[in-house]
């Protein structure tokens, strides 16, 4: 399976199915580095899993979400996912976020991911 097929599987069969953490466990390397643009990188699968868990716990309701497009640069082992999500957090704040996530793959797993969002 190509990295593009893997990232599509991650989103279609895990993220969109409410199984984000299961997909994270399957497709992310133990040494993964994840970063929101302009913030310090989070290093390691355990640290990033805790971050993702806290994010999920902060969501009260998802009003809609979709992947707009997928792309791959097979020479640099990168995939990109353009998506949006409309959600309300437990504090009542509603946000419609548009995002591009860029993943770098090694040995079939994501080793780096950076998020560009508004």
Protein backbone atom coordinates (compact mmCIF):
# COMPACT_ATOMS: atom_id res chain seq x y z
CA UNK A 1 0.00 0.00 0.00
CA UNK A 2 1.41 3.43 -0.94
CA UNK A 3 1.71 6.24 1.59
CA UNK A 4 -1.15 7.99 -0.21
CA UNK A 5 -3.34 4.90 0.19
CA UNK A 6 -2.34 4.70 3.87
CA UNK A 7 -3.23 8.32 4.61
CA UNK A 8 -6.56 7.85 2.83
CA UNK A 9 -7.21 4.73 4.93
CA UNK A 10 -6.28 6.66 8.08
CA UNK A 11 -8.84 9.36 7.35
CA UNK A 12 -11.61 7.31 5.78
CA UNK A 13 -11.57 4.32 8.12
CA UNK A 14 -10.33 5.84 11.36
CA UNK A 15 -10.62 9.64 11.66
CA UNK A 16 -14.00 9.92 9.89
CA UNK A 17 -15.26 6.85 11.76
CA UNK A 18 -14.52 8.36 15.18
CA UNK A 19 -11.49 6.10 15.69
CA UNK A 20 -8.74 8.72 15.60
CA UNK A 21 -6.68 7.14 18.38
CA UNK A 22 -6.84 3.68 16.79
CA UNK A 23 -5.59 5.15 13.52
CA UNK A 24 -2.90 7.04 15.41
CA UNK A 25 -1.74 3.80 17.01
CA UNK A 26 -1.60 2.05 13.64
CA UNK A 27 0.01 4.67 11.42
CA UNK A 28 2.31 6.80 13.62
CA UNK A 29 5.89 5.87 14.54
CA UNK A 30 7.01 5.69 18.17
CA UNK A 31 9.40 8.60 17.52
CA UNK A 32 6.85 10.78 15.67
CA UNK A 33 7.27 14.55 15.84
CA UNK A 34 4.07 16.58 15.51
CA UNK A 35 3.75 20.35 15.37
CA UNK A 36 1.16 23.07 15.02
CA UNK A 37 2.58 25.90 12.90
CA UNK A 38 4.32 28.40 15.18
CA UNK A 39 4.35 26.11 18.22
CA UNK A 40 7.02 23.89 19.72
CA UNK A 41 7.15 20.36 18.30
CA UNK A 42 5.79 17.47 20.37
CA UNK A 43 8.23 14.57 20.30
CA UNK A 44 7.28 10.92 20.72
CA UNK A 45 4.17 8.85 20.25
CA UNK A 46 3.18 8.84 23.93
CA UNK A 47 3.33 12.65 24.24
CA UNK A 48 1.38 13.10 21.01
CA UNK A 49 -1.24 10.49 21.95
CA UNK A 50 -1.87 12.37 25.21
CA UNK A 51 -2.20 15.62 23.22
CA UNK A 52 -4.68 14.03 20.80
CA UNK A 53 -6.66 12.54 23.72
CA UNK A 54 -6.93 15.97 25.40
CA UNK A 55 -8.03 17.53 22.10
CA UNK A 56 -10.76 14.91 21.65
CA UNK A 57 -11.93 15.39 25.24
CA UNK A 58 -12.23 19.16 24.63
CA UNK A 59 -14.80 18.65 21.84
CA UNK A 60 -18.45 18.92 22.78
CA UNK A 61 -19.93 18.55 19.29
CA UNK A 62 -18.78 18.17 15.69
CA UNK A 63 -21.18 19.94 13.31
CA UNK A 64 -19.43 18.80 10.15
CA UNK A 65 -16.07 17.77 8.75
CA UNK A 66 -14.61 16.63 5.46
CA UNK A 67 -11.40 15.95 3.62
CA UNK A 68 -11.15 18.27 0.62
CA UNK A 69 -8.14 16.64 -1.04
CA UNK A 70 -5.19 14.30 -0.66
CA UNK A 71 -1.79 14.64 -2.33
CA UNK A 72 1.51 12.79 -2.34
CA UNK A 73 5.11 13.55 -3.26
CA UNK A 74 6.60 10.07 -3.48
CA UNK A 75 10.14 11.42 -3.94
CA UNK A 76 10.13 13.09 -0.50
CA UNK A 77 7.84 10.51 1.18
CA UNK A 78 5.30 13.21 1.99
CA UNK A 79 1.52 13.17 1.93
CA UNK A 80 -0.79 16.14 2.41
CA UNK A 81 -4.38 16.26 3.58
CA UNK A 82 -6.56 19.34 3.11
CA UNK A 83 -9.58 19.27 5.41
CA UNK A 84 -12.06 21.30 7.42
CA UNK A 85 -13.97 20.78 10.65
CA UNK A 86 -16.78 22.77 12.29
CA UNK A 87 -16.90 22.03 16.00
CA UNK A 88 -17.90 23.33 19.40
CA UNK A 89 -15.59 22.88 22.36
CA UNK A 90 -16.72 22.04 25.89
CA UNK A 91 -16.17 25.70 26.84
CA UNK A 92 -18.84 26.70 24.29
CA UNK A 93 -16.44 28.17 21.70
CA UNK A 94 -17.41 27.21 18.15
CA UNK A 95 -14.73 27.05 15.48
CA UNK A 96 -14.67 26.31 11.77
CA UNK A 97 -11.09 25.29 11.06
CA UNK A 98 -9.53 24.79 7.65
CA UNK A 99 -6.30 22.83 7.68
CA UNK A 100 -3.54 21.26 5.65
CA UNK A 101 -1.57 18.53 7.39
CA UNK A 102 1.73 17.41 5.88
CA UNK A 103 3.00 13.97 6.86
CA UNK A 104 6.48 12.52 6.30
CA UNK A 105 6.62 8.73 6.08
CA UNK A 106 9.33 6.19 6.83
CA UNK A 107 8.96 2.41 6.79
CA UNK A 108 5.20 2.71 6.38
CA UNK A 109 4.68 5.00 9.39
CA UNK A 110 4.31 8.75 9.89
CA UNK A 111 7.49 10.12 11.47
CA UNK A 112 6.66 13.83 11.20
CA UNK A 113 3.44 15.82 10.84
CA UNK A 114 2.95 19.57 10.73
CA UNK A 115 -0.42 21.31 10.70
CA UNK A 116 -1.11 24.55 8.83
CA UNK A 117 -4.51 25.87 9.83
CA UNK A 118 -6.76 28.86 10.16
